[in-house]
């Protein structure tokens, strides 16, 4: 406090200026934020730009999804083709072994039939 000739004390000029400066800066920052928000909400150009940006992002994501689906479809067809080949080879192997077994079964029967006649 500084004593004045009338006996009343006052705050130091530096302290008073500092308090006013802080209040001013807070008000300025608040005004900037409110103004920026209002300009985004009410500016037609900004709304159009935001809508266009959202559409582009959505389309890019959809395009990426289509590429993934196509890739998975291609891989699925490859796996299906390989599995089908394995099943066919297995079926041919089973048929060949069954034919051999049938032939082996027919040989003793033919011998037995030849002995009894």
PDB file of N, CA and C in Angstrom:
ATOM      1  N   UNK A   1       0.840  -1.160   0.000  1.00  0.00           N
ATOM      2  CA  UNK A   1       0.000   0.000   0.000  1.00  0.00           C
ATOM      3  C   UNK A   1       0.889   1.228   0.000  1.00  0.00           C
ATOM      4  N   UNK A   2       0.411   2.215  -0.731  1.00  0.00           N
ATOM      5  CA  UNK A   2       1.116   3.501  -0.770  1.00  0.00           C
ATOM      6  C   UNK A   2       0.265   4.498  -0.023  1.00  0.00           C
ATOM      7  N   UNK A   3       0.922   5.268   0.889  1.00  0.00           N
ATOM      8  CA  UNK A   3       0.194   6.304   1.635  1.00  0.00           C
ATOM      9  C   UNK A   3       0.057   7.532   0.757  1.00  0.00           C
ATOM     10  N   UNK A   4      -1.135   8.085   0.774  1.00  0.00           N
ATOM     11  CA  UNK A   4      -1.408   9.310   0.039  1.00  0.00           C
ATOM     12  C   UNK A   4      -1.512  10.453   1.032  1.00  0.00           C
ATOM     13  N   UNK A   5      -1.454  11.730   0.581  1.00  0.00           N
ATOM     14  CA  UNK A   5      -1.525  12.857   1.512  1.00  0.00           C
ATOM     15  C   UNK A   5      -2.825  12.899   2.296  1.00  0.00           C
ATOM     16  N   UNK A   6      -3.902  12.364   1.781  1.00  0.00           N
ATOM     17  CA  UNK A   6      -5.152  12.433   2.536  1.00  0.00           C
ATOM     18  C   UNK A   6      -5.250  11.295   3.553  1.00  0.00           C
ATOM     19  N   UNK A   7      -4.257  10.370   3.585  1.00  0.00           N
ATOM     20  CA  UNK A   7      -4.226   9.321   4.581  1.00  0.00           C
ATOM     21  C   UNK A   7      -4.856   8.024   4.134  1.00  0.00           C
ATOM     22  N   UNK A   8      -5.401   7.990   2.953  1.00  0.00           N
ATOM     23  CA  UNK A   8      -5.966   6.730   2.446  1.00  0.00           C
ATOM     24  C   UNK A   8      -4.900   6.001   1.655  1.00  0.00           C
ATOM     25  N   UNK A   9      -4.827   4.705   1.891  1.00  0.00           N
ATOM     26  CA  UNK A   9      -3.840   3.915   1.146  1.00  0.00           C
ATOM     27  C   UNK A   9      -4.428   3.406  -0.157  1.00  0.00           C
ATOM     28  N   UNK A  10      -3.596   3.226  -1.165  1.00  0.00           N
ATOM     29  CA  UNK A  10      -4.030   2.678  -2.454  1.00  0.00           C
ATOM     30  C   UNK A  10      -3.099   1.525  -2.814  1.00  0.00           C
ATOM     31  N   UNK A  11      -3.588   0.687  -3.684  1.00  0.00           N
ATOM     32  CA  UNK A  11      -2.760  -0.436  -4.121  1.00  0.00           C
ATOM     33  C   UNK A  11      -1.668   0.093  -5.018  1.00  0.00           C
ATOM     34  N   UNK A  12      -0.597  -0.659  -5.060  1.00  0.00           N
ATOM     35  CA  UNK A  12       0.525  -0.261  -5.917  1.00  0.00           C
ATOM     36  C   UNK A  12       0.077  -0.282  -7.366  1.00  0.00           C
ATOM     37  N   UNK A  13       0.489   0.660  -8.183  1.00  0.00           N
ATOM     38  CA  UNK A  13       0.050   0.733  -9.577  1.00  0.00           C
ATOM     39  C   UNK A  13       0.378  -0.537 -10.360  1.00  0.00           C
ATOM     40  N   UNK A  14       1.485  -1.179 -10.087  1.00  0.00           N
ATOM     41  CA  UNK A  14       1.880  -2.384 -10.823  1.00  0.00           C
ATOM     42  C   UNK A  14       0.920  -3.530 -10.509  1.00  0.00           C
ATOM     43  N   UNK A  15       0.553  -3.669  -9.235  1.00  0.00           N
ATOM     44  CA  UNK A  15      -0.365  -4.742  -8.849  1.00  0.00           C
ATOM     45  C   UNK A  15      -1.747  -4.534  -9.472  1.00  0.00           C
ATOM     46  N   UNK A  16      -2.217  -3.323  -9.508  1.00  0.00           N
ATOM     47  CA  UNK A  16      -3.529  -3.030 -10.086  1.00  0.00           C
ATOM     48  C   UNK A  16      -3.513  -3.287 -11.581  1.00  0.00           C
ATOM     49  N   UNK A  17      -2.453  -2.899 -12.262  1.00  0.00           N
ATOM     50  CA  UNK A  17      -2.344  -3.110 -13.699  1.00  0.00           C
ATOM     51  C   UNK A  17      -2.294  -4.595 -14.027  1.00  0.00           C
ATOM     52  N   UNK A  18      -1.626  -5.386 -13.201  1.00  0.00           N
ATOM     53  CA  UNK A  18      -1.516  -6.818 -13.419  1.00  0.00           C
ATOM     54  C   UNK A  18      -2.890  -7.490 -13.329  1.00  0.00           C
ATOM     55  N   UNK A  19      -3.677  -7.126 -12.360  1.00  0.00           N
ATOM     56  CA  UNK A  19      -5.017  -7.690 -12.203  1.00  0.00           C
ATOM     57  C   UNK A  19      -5.909  -7.336 -13.375  1.00  0.00           C
ATOM     58  N   UNK A  20      -5.817  -6.098 -13.859  1.00  0.00           N
ATOM     59  CA  UNK A  20      -6.622  -5.679 -15.015  1.00  0.00           C
ATOM     60  C   UNK A  20      -6.174  -6.400 -16.293  1.00  0.00           C
ATOM     61  N   UNK A  21      -4.877  -6.594 -16.414  1.00  0.00           N
ATOM     62  CA  UNK A  21      -4.343  -7.254 -17.613  1.00  0.00           C
ATOM     63  C   UNK A  21      -4.833  -8.705 -17.668  1.00  0.00           C
ATOM     64  N   UNK A  22      -4.807  -9.424 -16.540  1.00  0.00           N
ATOM     65  CA  UNK A  22      -5.275 -10.806 -16.499  1.00  0.00           C
ATOM     66  C   UNK A  22      -6.751 -10.897 -16.873  1.00  0.00           C
ATOM     67  N   UNK A  23      -7.551 -10.003 -16.337  1.00  0.00           N
ATOM     68  CA  UNK A  23      -8.981  -9.997 -16.640  1.00  0.00           C
ATOM     69  C   UNK A  23      -9.207  -9.699 -18.121  1.00  0.00           C
ATOM     70  N   UNK A  24      -8.434  -8.763 -18.651  1.00  0.00           N
ATOM     71  CA  UNK A  24      -8.559  -8.411 -20.065  1.00  0.00           C
ATOM     72  C   UNK A  24      -8.201  -9.604 -20.954  1.00  0.00           C
ATOM     73  N   UNK A  25      -7.105 -10.308 -20.637  1.00  0.00           N
ATOM     74  CA  UNK A  25      -6.674 -11.453 -21.447  1.00  0.00           C
ATOM     75  C   UNK A  25      -7.692 -12.601 -21.380  1.00  0.00           C
ATOM     76  N   UNK A  26      -8.265 -12.814 -20.198  1.00  0.00           N
ATOM     77  CA  UNK A  26      -9.292 -13.845 -20.066  1.00  0.00           C
ATOM     78  C   UNK A  26     -10.513 -13.492 -20.918  1.00  0.00           C
ATOM     79  N   UNK A  27     -10.929 -12.255 -20.875  1.00  0.00           N
ATOM     80  CA  UNK A  27     -12.062 -11.807 -21.680  1.00  0.00           C
ATOM     81  C   UNK A  27     -11.773 -11.897 -23.168  1.00  0.00           C
ATOM     82  N   UNK A  28     -10.549 -11.545 -23.552  1.00  0.00           N
ATOM     83  CA  UNK A  28     -10.152 -11.620 -24.959  1.00  0.00           C
ATOM     84  C   UNK A  28     -10.165 -13.071 -25.440  1.00  0.00           C
ATOM     85  N   UNK A  29      -9.604 -13.978 -24.659  1.00  0.00           N
ATOM     86  CA  UNK A  29      -9.577 -15.397 -25.042  1.00  0.00           C
ATOM     87  C   UNK A  29     -10.999 -15.948 -25.137  1.00  0.00           C
ATOM     88  N   UNK A  30     -11.831 -15.615 -24.185  1.00  0.00           N
ATOM     89  CA  UNK A  30     -13.227 -16.067 -24.228  1.00  0.00           C
ATOM     90  C   UNK A  30     -13.945 -15.545 -25.453  1.00  0.00           C
ATOM     91  N   UNK A  31     -13.734 -14.296 -25.792  1.00  0.00           N
ATOM     92  CA  UNK A  31     -14.355 -13.702 -26.969  1.00  0.00           C
ATOM     93  C   UNK A  31     -13.889 -14.365 -28.255  1.00  0.00           C
ATOM     94  N   UNK A  32     -12.611 -14.691 -28.318  1.00  0.00           N
ATOM     95  CA  UNK A  32     -12.080 -15.368 -29.510  1.00  0.00           C
ATOM     96  C   UNK A  32     -12.742 -16.734 -29.668  1.00  0.00           C
ATOM     97  N   UNK A  33     -12.843 -17.479 -28.576  1.00  0.00           N
ATOM     98  CA  UNK A  33     -13.471 -18.805 -28.640  1.00  0.00           C
ATOM     99  C   UNK A  33     -14.939 -18.724 -29.042  1.00  0.00           C
ATOM    100  N   UNK A  34     -15.660 -17.806 -28.466  1.00  0.00           N
ATOM    101  CA  UNK A  34     -17.073 -17.650 -28.796  1.00  0.00           C
ATOM    102  C   UNK A  34     -17.229 -17.209 -30.255  1.00  0.00           C
ATOM    103  N   UNK A  35     -16.400 -16.307 -30.706  1.00  0.00           N
ATOM    104  CA  UNK A  35     -16.462 -15.851 -32.096  1.00  0.00           C
ATOM    105  C   UNK A  35     -16.127 -16.968 -33.082  1.00  0.00           C
ATOM    106  N   UNK A  36     -15.125 -17.783 -32.747  1.00  0.00           N
ATOM    107  CA  UNK A  36     -14.755 -18.895 -33.632  1.00  0.00           C
ATOM    108  C   UNK A  36     -15.901 -19.910 -33.714  1.00  0.00           C
ATOM    109  N   UNK A  37     -16.504 -20.220 -32.577  1.00  0.00           N
ATOM    110  CA  UNK A  37     -17.625 -21.165 -32.565  1.00  0.00           C
ATOM    111  C   UNK A  37     -18.803 -20.610 -33.364  1.00  0.00           C
ATOM    112  N   UNK A  38     -19.100 -19.356 -33.193  1.00  0.00           N
ATOM    113  CA  UNK A  38     -20.218 -18.746 -33.918  1.00  0.00           C
ATOM    114  C   UNK A  38     -19.948 -18.731 -35.422  1.00  0.00           C
ATOM    115  N   UNK A  39     -18.710 -18.443 -35.808  1.00  0.00           N
ATOM    116  CA  UNK A  39     -18.410 -18.409 -37.244  1.00  0.00           C
ATOM    117  C   UNK A  39     -18.539 -19.798 -37.856  1.00  0.00           C
ATOM    118  N   UNK A  40     -18.180 -20.860 -37.119  1.00  0.00           N
ATOM    119  CA  UNK A  40     -18.336 -22.212 -37.631  1.00  0.00           C
ATOM    120  C   UNK A  40     -19.808 -22.588 -37.765  1.00  0.00           C
ATOM    121  N   UNK A  41     -20.602 -22.147 -36.825  1.00  0.00           N
ATOM    122  CA  UNK A  41     -22.016 -22.513 -36.830  1.00  0.00           C
ATOM    123  C   UNK A  41     -22.822 -21.748 -37.873  1.00  0.00           C
ATOM    124  N   UNK A  42     -22.505 -20.483 -38.061  1.00  0.00           N
ATOM    125  CA  UNK A  42     -23.355 -19.640 -38.881  1.00  0.00           C
ATOM    126  C   UNK A  42     -22.811 -19.322 -40.273  1.00  0.00           C
ATOM    127  N   UNK A  43     -21.569 -19.662 -40.554  1.00  0.00           N
ATOM    128  CA  UNK A  43     -21.009 -19.372 -41.876  1.00  0.00           C
ATOM    129  C   UNK A  43     -21.422 -20.470 -42.851  1.00  0.00           C
ATOM    130  N   UNK A  44     -22.185 -20.153 -43.898  1.00  0.00           N
ATOM    131  CA  UNK A  44     -22.649 -21.182 -44.837  1.00  0.00           C
ATOM    132  C   UNK A  44     -21.499 -21.876 -45.555  1.00  0.00           C
ATOM    133  N   UNK A  45     -20.475 -21.156 -45.845  1.00  0.00           N
ATOM    134  CA  UNK A  45     -19.316 -21.750 -46.519  1.00  0.00           C
ATOM    135  C   UNK A  45     -18.645 -22.803 -45.658  1.00  0.00           C
ATOM    136  N   UNK A  46     -18.576 -22.559 -44.375  1.00  0.00           N
ATOM    137  CA  UNK A  46     -17.947 -23.514 -43.470  1.00  0.00           C
ATOM    138  C   UNK A  46     -18.806 -24.771 -43.350  1.00  0.00           C
ATOM    139  N   UNK A  47     -20.116 -24.591 -43.278  1.00  0.00           N
ATOM    140  CA  UNK A  47     -20.987 -25.754 -43.190  1.00  0.00           C
ATOM    141  C   UNK A  47     -20.852 -26.619 -44.434  1.00  0.00           C
ATOM    142  N   UNK A  48     -20.766 -25.977 -45.594  1.00  0.00           N
ATOM    143  CA  UNK A  48     -20.603 -26.710 -46.846  1.00  0.00           C
ATOM    144  C   UNK A  48     -19.260 -27.419 -46.871  1.00  0.00           C
ATOM    145  N   UNK A  49     -18.217 -26.733 -46.435  1.00  0.00           N
ATOM    146  CA  UNK A  49     -16.886 -27.336 -46.402  1.00  0.00           C
ATOM    147  C   UNK A  49     -16.841 -28.518 -45.440  1.00  0.00           C
ATOM    148  N   UNK A  50     -17.463 -28.382 -44.295  1.00  0.00           N
ATOM    149  CA  UNK A  50     -17.485 -29.482 -43.325  1.00  0.00           C
ATOM    150  C   UNK A  50     -18.291 -30.658 -43.871  1.00  0.00           C
ATOM    151  N   UNK A  51     -19.399 -30.386 -44.517  1.00  0.00           N
ATOM    152  CA  UNK A  51     -20.227 -31.446 -45.099  1.00  0.00           C
ATOM    153  C   UNK A  51     -19.446 -32.165 -46.197  1.00  0.00           C
ATOM    154  N   UNK A  52     -18.739 -31.406 -47.040  1.00  0.00           N
ATOM    155  CA  UNK A  52     -17.935 -31.998 -48.115  1.00  0.00           C
ATOM    156  C   UNK A  52     -16.815 -32.854 -47.535  1.00  0.00           C
ATOM    157  N   UNK A  53     -16.147 -32.348 -46.513  1.00  0.00           N
ATOM    158  CA  UNK A  53     -15.070 -33.117 -45.881  1.00  0.00           C
ATOM    159  C   UNK A  53     -15.610 -34.402 -45.275  1.00  0.00           C
ATOM    160  N   UNK A  54     -16.760 -34.336 -44.617  1.00  0.00           N
ATOM    161  CA  UNK A  54     -17.364 -35.533 -44.028  1.00  0.00           C
ATOM    162  C   UNK A  54     -17.711 -36.547 -45.118  1.00  0.00           C
ATOM    163  N   UNK A  55     -18.260 -36.075 -46.237  1.00  0.00           N
ATOM    164  CA  UNK A  55     -18.620 -36.961 -47.350  1.00  0.00           C
ATOM    165  C   UNK A  55     -17.379 -37.638 -47.919  1.00  0.00           C
ATOM    166  N   UNK A  56     -16.299 -36.877 -48.091  1.00  0.00           N
ATOM    167  CA  UNK A  56     -15.057 -37.452 -48.627  1.00  0.00           C
ATOM    168  C   UNK A  56     -14.490 -38.524 -47.706  1.00  0.00           C
ATOM    169  N   UNK A  57     -14.504 -38.252 -46.422  1.00  0.00           N
ATOM    170  CA  UNK A  57     -14.001 -39.237 -45.458  1.00  0.00           C
ATOM    171  C   UNK A  57     -14.867 -40.493 -45.492  1.00  0.00           C
ATOM    172  N   UNK A  58     -16.172 -40.311 -45.553  1.00  0.00           N
ATOM    173  CA  UNK A  58     -17.087 -41.451 -45.600  1.00  0.00           C
ATOM    174  C   UNK A  58     -16.870 -42.277 -46.867  1.00  0.00           C
ATOM    175  N   UNK A  59     -16.725 -41.604 -48.007  1.00  0.00           N
ATOM    176  CA  UNK A  59     -16.509 -42.308 -49.267  1.00  0.00           C
ATOM    177  C   UNK A  59     -15.174 -43.037 -49.273  1.00  0.00           C
ATOM    178  N   UNK A  60     -14.138 -42.405 -48.704  1.00  0.00           N
ATOM    179  CA  UNK A  60     -12.828 -43.054 -48.636  1.00  0.00           C
ATOM    180  C   UNK A  60     -12.901 -44.307 -47.771  1.00  0.00           C
ATOM    181  N   UNK A  61     -13.608 -44.211 -46.667  1.00  0.00           N
ATOM    182  CA  UNK A  61     -13.750 -45.376 -45.786  1.00  0.00           C
ATOM    183  C   UNK A  61     -14.533 -46.476 -46.487  1.00  0.00           C
ATOM    184  N   UNK A  62     -15.575 -46.104 -47.212  1.00  0.00           N
ATOM    185  CA  UNK A  62     -16.370 -47.099 -47.938  1.00  0.00           C
ATOM    186  C   UNK A  62     -15.539 -47.737 -49.039  1.00  0.00           C
ATOM    187  N   UNK A  63     -14.746 -46.947 -49.729  1.00  0.00           N
ATOM    188  CA  UNK A  63     -13.879 -47.481 -50.778  1.00  0.00           C
ATOM    189  C   UNK A  63     -12.850 -48.446 -50.217  1.00  0.00           C
ATOM    190  N   UNK A  64     -12.296 -48.117 -49.069  1.00  0.00           N
ATOM    191  CA  UNK A  64     -11.332 -49.009 -48.430  1.00  0.00           C
ATOM    192  C   UNK A  64     -12.021 -50.299 -48.012  1.00  0.00           C
ATOM    193  N   UNK A  65     -13.253 -50.187 -47.544  1.00  0.00           N
ATOM    194  CA  UNK A  65     -14.012 -51.378 -47.161  1.00  0.00           C
ATOM    195  C   UNK A  65     -14.284 -52.269 -48.362  1.00  0.00           C
ATOM    196  N   UNK A  66     -14.608 -51.667 -49.511  1.00  0.00           N
ATOM    197  CA  UNK A  66     -14.846 -52.449 -50.727  1.00  0.00           C
ATOM    198  C   UNK A  66     -13.588 -53.196 -51.150  1.00  0.00           C
ATOM    199  N   UNK A  67     -12.442 -52.553 -51.043  1.00  0.00           N
ATOM    200  CA  UNK A  67     -11.182 -53.201 -51.406  1.00  0.00           C
ATOM    201  C   UNK A  67     -10.903 -54.390 -50.494  1.00  0.00           C
ATOM    202  N   UNK A  68     -11.187 -54.233 -49.222  1.00  0.00           N
ATOM    203  CA  UNK A  68     -10.979 -55.328 -48.267  1.00  0.00           C
ATOM    204  C   UNK A  68     -11.915 -56.484 -48.589  1.00  0.00           C
ATOM    205  N   UNK A  69     -13.170 -56.177 -48.883  1.00  0.00           N
ATOM    206  CA  UNK A  69     -14.140 -57.226 -49.217  1.00  0.00           C
ATOM    207  C   UNK A  69     -13.707 -57.962 -50.485  1.00  0.00           C
ATOM    208  N   UNK A  70     -13.262 -57.224 -51.494  1.00  0.00           N
ATOM    209  CA  UNK A  70     -12.808 -57.862 -52.732  1.00  0.00           C
ATOM    210  C   UNK A  70     -11.601 -58.766 -52.476  1.00  0.00           C
ATOM    211  N   UNK A  71     -10.676 -58.300 -51.655  1.00  0.00           N
ATOM    212  CA  UNK A  71      -9.500 -59.099 -51.324  1.00  0.00           C
ATOM    213  C   UNK A  71      -9.901 -60.372 -50.587  1.00  0.00           C
ATOM    214  N   UNK A  72     -10.795 -60.252 -49.623  1.00  0.00           N
ATOM    215  CA  UNK A  72     -11.254 -61.435 -48.883  1.00  0.00           C
ATOM    216  C   UNK A  72     -11.999 -62.405 -49.793  1.00  0.00           C
ATOM    217  N   UNK A  73     -12.799 -61.880 -50.704  1.00  0.00           N
ATOM    218  CA  UNK A  73     -13.529 -62.731 -51.649  1.00  0.00           C
ATOM    219  C   UNK A  73     -12.545 -63.511 -52.518  1.00  0.00           C
ATOM    220  N   UNK A  74     -11.499 -62.830 -53.004  1.00  0.00           N
ATOM    221  CA  UNK A  74     -10.488 -63.474 -53.840  1.00  0.00           C
ATOM    222  C   UNK A  74      -9.759 -64.566 -53.054  1.00  0.00           C
ATOM    223  N   UNK A  75      -9.372 -64.262 -51.828  1.00  0.00           N
ATOM    224  CA  UNK A  75      -8.692 -65.255 -50.988  1.00  0.00           C
ATOM    225  C   UNK A  75      -9.608 -66.443 -50.679  1.00  0.00           C
ATOM    226  N   UNK A  76     -10.865 -66.158 -50.440  1.00  0.00           N
ATOM    227  CA  UNK A  76     -11.820 -67.231 -50.169  1.00  0.00           C
ATOM    228  C   UNK A  76     -11.964 -68.171 -51.358  1.00  0.00           C
ATOM    229  N   UNK A  77     -12.015 -67.610 -52.556  1.00  0.00           N
ATOM    230  CA  UNK A  77     -12.114 -68.445 -53.754  1.00  0.00           C
ATOM    231  C   UNK A  77     -10.864 -69.291 -53.933  1.00  0.00           C
ATOM    232  N   UNK A  78      -9.687 -68.729 -53.637  1.00  0.00           N
ATOM    233  CA  UNK A  78      -8.446 -69.507 -53.720  1.00  0.00           C
ATOM    234  C   UNK A  78      -8.469 -70.672 -52.737  1.00  0.00           C
ATOM    235  N   UNK A  79      -8.868 -70.402 -51.509  1.00  0.00           N
ATOM    236  CA  UNK A  79      -8.928 -71.457 -50.492  1.00  0.00           C
ATOM    237  C   UNK A  79      -9.951 -72.511 -50.902  1.00  0.00           C
ATOM    238  N   UNK A  80     -11.103 -72.089 -51.404  1.00  0.00           N
ATOM    239  CA  UNK A  80     -12.129 -73.033 -51.851  1.00  0.00           C
ATOM    240  C   UNK A  80     -11.588 -73.931 -52.963  1.00  0.00           C
ATOM    241  N   UNK A  81     -10.881 -73.334 -53.919  1.00  0.00           N
ATOM    242  CA  UNK A  81     -10.305 -74.114 -55.020  1.00  0.00           C
ATOM    243  C   UNK A  81      -9.297 -75.135 -54.530  1.00  0.00           C
ATOM    244  N   UNK A  82      -8.443 -74.738 -53.601  1.00  0.00           N
ATOM    245  CA  UNK A  82      -7.446 -75.668 -53.052  1.00  0.00           C
ATOM    246  C   UNK A  82      -8.124 -76.784 -52.273  1.00  0.00           C
ATOM    247  N   UNK A  83      -9.121 -76.439 -51.464  1.00  0.00           N
ATOM    248  CA  UNK A  83      -9.836 -77.451 -50.684  1.00  0.00           C
ATOM    249  C   UNK A  83     -10.555 -78.417 -51.617  1.00  0.00           C
ATOM    250  N   UNK A  84     -11.161 -77.930 -52.679  1.00  0.00           N
ATOM    251  CA  UNK A  84     -11.857 -78.785 -53.637  1.00  0.00           C
ATOM    252  C   UNK A  84     -10.876 -79.744 -54.300  1.00  0.00           C
ATOM    253  N   UNK A  85      -9.692 -79.273 -54.648  1.00  0.00           N
ATOM    254  CA  UNK A  85      -8.674 -80.139 -55.251  1.00  0.00           C
ATOM    255  C   UNK A  85      -8.269 -81.258 -54.298  1.00  0.00           C
ATOM    256  N   UNK A  86      -8.096 -80.917 -53.034  1.00  0.00           N
ATOM    257  CA  UNK A  86      -7.717 -81.927 -52.037  1.00  0.00           C
ATOM    258  C   UNK A  86      -8.828 -82.957 -51.884  1.00  0.00           C
ATOM    259  N   UNK A  87     -10.065 -82.512 -51.841  1.00  0.00           N
ATOM    260  CA  UNK A  87     -11.200 -83.440 -51.709  1.00  0.00           C
ATOM    261  C   UNK A  87     -11.286 -84.349 -52.926  1.00  0.00           C
ATOM    262  N   UNK A  88     -11.108 -83.805 -54.114  1.00  0.00           N
ATOM    263  CA  UNK A  88     -11.170 -84.611 -55.335  1.00  0.00           C
ATOM    264  C   UNK A  88     -10.054 -85.644 -55.343  1.00  0.00           C
ATOM    265  N   UNK A  89      -8.824 -85.233 -54.996  1.00  0.00           N
ATOM    266  CA  UNK A  89      -7.711 -86.189 -54.939  1.00  0.00           C
ATOM    267  C   UNK A  89      -7.990 -87.288 -53.915  1.00  0.00           C
ATOM    268  N   UNK A  90      -8.548 -86.887 -52.772  1.00  0.00           N
ATOM    269  CA  UNK A  90      -8.886 -87.882 -51.749  1.00  0.00           C
ATOM    270  C   UNK A  90      -9.946 -88.855 -52.240  1.00  0.00           C
ATOM    271  N   UNK A  91     -10.961 -88.364 -52.941  1.00  0.00           N
ATOM    272  CA  UNK A  91     -12.016 -89.233 -53.468  1.00  0.00           C
ATOM    273  C   UNK A  91     -11.452 -90.190 -54.515  1.00  0.00           C
ATOM    274  N   UNK A  92     -10.546 -89.713 -55.361  1.00  0.00           N
ATOM    275  CA  UNK A  92      -9.931 -90.576 -56.371  1.00  0.00           C
ATOM    276  C   UNK A  92      -9.085 -91.660 -55.708  1.00  0.00           C
ATOM    277  N   UNK A  93      -8.383 -91.281 -54.645  1.00  0.00           N
ATOM    278  CA  UNK A  93      -7.571 -92.249 -53.909  1.00  0.00           C
ATOM    279  C   UNK A  93      -8.457 -93.317 -53.263  1.00  0.00           C
ATOM    280  N   UNK A  94      -9.566 -92.891 -52.667  1.00  0.00           N
ATOM    281  CA  UNK A  94     -10.493 -93.843 -52.048  1.00  0.00           C
ATOM    282  C   UNK A  94     -11.077 -94.771 -53.114  1.00  0.00           C
ATOM    283  N   UNK A  95     -11.458 -94.242 -54.267  1.00  0.00           N
ATOM    284  CA  UNK A  95     -12.013 -95.067 -55.350  1.00  0.00           C
ATOM    285  C   UNK A  95     -10.986 -96.098 -55.823  1.00  0.00           C
ATOM    286  N   UNK A  96      -9.725 -95.652 -55.981  1.00  0.00           N
ATOM    287  CA  UNK A  96      -8.668 -96.567 -56.421  1.00  0.00           C
ATOM    288  C   UNK A  96      -8.461 -97.686 -55.399  1.00  0.00           C
ATOM    289  N   UNK A  97      -8.417 -97.350 -54.128  1.00  0.00           N
ATOM    290  CA  UNK A  97      -8.235 -98.373 -53.088  1.00  0.00           C
ATOM    291  C   UNK A  97      -9.447 -99.295 -53.003  1.00  0.00           C
ATOM    292  N   UNK A  98     -10.621 -98.751 -53.177  1.00  0.00           N
ATOM    293  CA  UNK A  98     -11.819 -99.588 -53.152  1.00  0.00           C
ATOM    294  C   UNK A  98     -11.820-100.556 -54.331  1.00  0.00           C
ATOM    295  N   UNK A  99     -11.373-100.090 -55.491  1.00  0.00           N
ATOM    296  CA  UNK A  99     -11.287-100.954 -56.673  1.00  0.00           C
ATOM    297  C   UNK A  99     -10.283-102.072 -56.433  1.00  0.00           C
ATOM    298  N   UNK A 100      -9.126-101.721 -55.849  1.00  0.00           N
ATOM    299  CA  UNK A 100      -8.118-102.740 -55.521  1.00  0.00           C
ATOM    300  C   UNK A 100      -8.675-103.752 -54.526  1.00  0.00           C
ATOM    301  N   UNK A 101      -9.351-103.271 -53.491  1.00  0.00           N
ATOM    302  CA  UNK A 101      -9.917-104.178 -52.489  1.00  0.00           C
ATOM    303  C   UNK A 101     -10.972-105.077 -53.108  1.00  0.00           C
ATOM    304  N   UNK A 102     -11.790-104.529 -53.999  1.00  0.00           N
ATOM    305  CA  UNK A 102     -12.808-105.333 -54.675  1.00  0.00           C
ATOM    306  C   UNK A 102     -12.150-106.410 -55.525  1.00  0.00           C
ATOM    307  N   UNK A 103     -11.049-106.022 -56.199  1.00  0.00           N
ATOM    308  CA  UNK A 103     -10.322-107.011 -57.026  1.00  0.00           C
ATOM    309  C   UNK A 103      -9.721-108.108 -56.171  1.00  0.00           C
ATOM    310  N   UNK A 104      -9.170-107.756 -55.037  1.00  0.00           N
ATOM    311  CA  UNK A 104      -8.596-108.761 -54.134  1.00  0.00           C
ATOM    312  C   UNK A 104      -9.684-109.675 -53.590  1.00  0.00           C
ATOM    313  N   UNK A 105     -10.840-109.141 -53.297  1.00  0.00           N
ATOM    314  CA  UNK A 105     -11.947-109.962 -52.817  1.00  0.00           C
ATOM    315  C   UNK A 105     -12.470-110.890 -53.905  1.00  0.00           C
ATOM    316  N   UNK A 106     -12.458-110.454 -55.149  1.00  0.00           N
ATOM    317  CA  UNK A 106     -12.967-111.254 -56.258  1.00  0.00           C
ATOM    318  C   UNK A 106     -12.018-112.393 -56.615  1.00  0.00           C
ATOM    319  N   UNK A 107     -10.700-112.209 -56.415  1.00  0.00           N
ATOM    320  CA  UNK A 107      -9.737-113.261 -56.757  1.00  0.00           C
ATOM    321  C   UNK A 107      -9.971-114.526 -55.931  1.00  0.00           C
ATOM    322  N   UNK A 108     -10.041-114.475 -54.577  1.00  0.00           N
ATOM    323  CA  UNK A 108     -10.297-115.714 -53.843  1.00  0.00           C
ATOM    324  C   UNK A 108     -11.657-116.298 -54.190  1.00  0.00           C
ATOM    325  N   UNK A 109     -12.626-115.476 -54.482  1.00  0.00           N
ATOM    326  CA  UNK A 109     -13.940-115.976 -54.831  1.00  0.00           C
ATOM    327  C   UNK A 109     -13.869-116.713 -56.154  1.00  0.00           C
ATOM    328  N   UNK A 110     -13.097-116.199 -57.104  1.00  0.00           N
ATOM    329  CA  UNK A 110     -12.968-116.827 -58.416  1.00  0.00           C
ATOM    330  C   UNK A 110     -12.252-118.174 -58.251  1.00  0.00           C
ATOM    331  N   UNK A 111     -11.242-118.248 -57.405  1.00  0.00           N
ATOM    332  CA  UNK A 111     -10.517-119.503 -57.175  1.00  0.00           C
ATOM    333  C   UNK A 111     -11.441-120.529 -56.532  1.00  0.00           C
ATOM    334  N   UNK A 112     -12.212-120.073 -55.556  1.00  0.00           N
ATOM    335  CA  UNK A 112     -13.121-120.963 -54.869  1.00  0.00           C
ATOM    336  C   UNK A 112     -14.188-121.468 -55.844  1.00  0.00           C
ATOM    337  N   UNK A 113     -14.656-120.573 -56.679  1.00  0.00           N
ATOM    338  CA  UNK A 113     -15.689-120.927 -57.644  1.00  0.00           C
ATOM    339  C   UNK A 113     -15.133-121.926 -58.676  1.00  0.00           C
ATOM    340  N   UNK A 114     -13.853-121.773 -59.071  1.00  0.00           N
ATOM    341  CA  UNK A 114     -13.211-122.653 -60.047  1.00  0.00           C
ATOM    342  C   UNK A 114     -12.998-124.032 -59.419  1.00  0.00           C
ATOM    343  N   UNK A 115     -12.723-124.153 -58.151  1.00  0.00           N
ATOM    344  CA  UNK A 115     -12.473-125.432 -57.496  1.00  0.00           C
ATOM    345  C   UNK A 115     -13.770-126.202 -57.313  1.00  0.00           C
ATOM    346  N   UNK A 116     -14.829-125.536 -57.087  1.00  0.00           N
ATOM    347  CA  UNK A 116     -16.105-126.211 -56.836  1.00  0.00           C
ATOM    348  C   UNK A 116     -16.771-126.644 -58.141  1.00  0.00           C
ATOM    349  N   UNK A 117     -16.377-126.122 -59.281  1.00  0.00           N
ATOM    350  CA  UNK A 117     -17.056-126.490 -60.497  1.00  0.00           C
ATOM    351  C   UNK A 117     -16.480-127.717 -61.135  1.00  0.00           C
TER     352      UNK A 117
END
